[in-house]
Structures are given as structure tokens and as C-alpha cells.
Protein backbone atom coordinates (compact mmCIF):
# COMPACT_ATOMS: atom_id res chain seq x y z
CA MET A 1 -5.44 0.82 -5.31
CA MET A 2 -2.65 3.45 -4.74
CA GLU A 3 -1.36 3.03 -7.95
CA ASP A 4 -2.69 6.13 -9.41
CA GLY A 5 -0.11 8.21 -7.16
CA THR A 6 -2.95 9.10 -4.89
CA GLU A 7 -2.03 9.31 -1.29
CA TRP A 8 -3.77 6.83 0.93
CA TYR A 9 -4.50 6.52 4.98
CA GLY A 10 -3.99 3.05 6.33
CA LEU A 11 -7.56 2.35 7.49
CA GLN A 12 -8.70 3.73 3.77
CA LEU A 13 -6.57 0.58 2.28
CA CYS A 14 -8.32 -1.63 4.47
CA LYS A 15 -11.78 -0.13 3.40
CA GLU A 16 -11.11 -0.44 -0.26
CA SER A 17 -9.77 -3.67 -0.17
CA ASN A 18 -13.43 -5.54 0.57
CA GLY A 19 -11.60 -7.06 3.22
CA ARG A 20 -8.59 -8.09 1.83
CA ILE A 21 -6.41 -6.08 3.87
CA LYS A 22 -7.11 -6.52 7.70
CA ARG A 23 -7.14 -3.49 10.23
CA GLY A 24 -4.52 -5.13 12.42
CA THR A 25 -2.03 -5.51 9.87
CA VAL A 26 -2.07 -2.68 7.31
CA TYR A 27 0.26 -0.61 9.40
CA THR A 28 2.83 -3.39 9.97
CA THR A 29 2.64 -3.94 6.11
CA LEU A 30 2.95 -0.24 5.30
CA MET A 31 5.94 0.05 7.52
CA ARG A 32 7.80 -2.85 6.07
CA MET A 33 6.96 -1.54 2.69
CA GLU A 34 8.58 1.86 3.29
CA ASP A 35 11.47 0.00 5.12
CA LYS A 36 12.13 -1.72 1.65
CA ARG A 37 11.66 1.95 0.15
CA LEU A 38 8.79 0.91 -1.85
CA LEU A 39 6.45 3.63 -0.52
CA THR A 40 6.93 7.00 1.20
CA HIS A 41 4.67 8.74 3.93
CA ARG A 42 3.79 11.97 5.34
CA LYS A 43 2.37 13.81 8.05
CA LEU A 44 -0.63 15.82 7.58
CA PRO A 45 -0.84 19.01 9.47
CA ILE A 46 -2.79 18.46 12.49
CA LYS A 47 -6.28 20.54 12.12
CA SER A 48 -8.09 22.82 14.66
CA GLY A 49 -9.74 20.89 17.08
CA GLN A 50 -8.37 17.23 15.86
CA ARG A 51 -7.70 14.84 18.55
CA GLY A 52 -4.73 12.30 18.88
CA PRO A 53 -1.43 12.13 16.85
CA ALA A 54 -0.95 13.48 12.96
CA ARG A 55 -2.89 11.57 10.33
CA ILE A 56 -0.28 9.66 8.03
CA VAL A 57 -0.79 9.27 4.32
CA TYR A 58 0.78 6.87 2.54
CA LYS A 59 2.09 6.64 -1.43
CA ILE A 60 4.03 4.28 -3.86
CA ASN A 61 7.02 5.42 -5.28
CA SER A 62 8.79 4.46 -8.54
CA ALA A 63 10.15 1.53 -6.83
CA GLY A 64 7.19 0.45 -5.56
CA TYR A 65 5.95 0.47 -9.07
CA GLN A 66 8.69 -1.69 -10.35
CA SER A 67 8.31 -4.16 -7.56
CA LEU A 68 4.79 -4.33 -8.40
CA GLU A 69 4.89 -4.80 -11.78
CA ALA A 70 7.97 -7.51 -11.33
CA TRP A 71 5.15 -9.13 -9.14
CA ARG A 72 2.20 -9.14 -11.78
CA VAL A 73 4.75 -10.64 -14.50
CA ALA A 74 5.81 -13.77 -12.12
CA ARG A 75 2.01 -13.82 -10.86
CA ALA A 76 1.10 -14.10 -14.86
CA ALA A 77 4.00 -16.68 -15.28
CA ALA A 78 2.83 -18.69 -12.63
CA MET A 79 -0.57 -18.81 -13.76
CA GLY A 80 0.06 -19.66 -17.32
CA GLY A 81 2.09 -22.57 -15.82
CA LEU A 82 -0.82 -23.77 -13.97
CA LYS A 83 -2.86 -23.67 -16.97
CA ASP A 84 -0.61 -25.70 -19.05
CA ALA A 85 -0.30 -28.28 -16.52
């Protein structure tokens, strides 16, 4: 989802995941990923008349891309191992 370098709101991720990412856990997950330095965030400027806090958008960084690729390789190896069994 975030692989093309675009920035995403947490609720956009929920919507685009077709229910795989739950609204109640998305921000906890994003904060944990940021603590591991896998993504970054920035606050958008508050628009005139906007209510509530500044909106925050998240973006995967190079460490996040590397981690994602390592996960894909491990998953493919595991799935290949399951096919051989």
C-alpha cells in the first residue's frame, strides 16, 4: 500500500486494506513501526476552519522497504517449504 512512496493517513490504510487493518490498531501499529524506524510521519498544516488536531501522514522509508523485502523473501521461502511437504 505505502510502497510507492506516497503518504497515507492511518484511516486511509484501514480503508484500502479491505478490513485487514482495523481502525482500533492502526495507529498503535504505525507508532511501533516508527519506533523501529521503518517509517516517518509529518503533521500537515491546519487548514482554516479545521477542527481537531493536525492531521498526520505516514510514509515508509528505506529501512521500511528493506524490512518489507526481507519479510517477503522469508514468506516465500516458508511458503515454498510448505508446498514441498
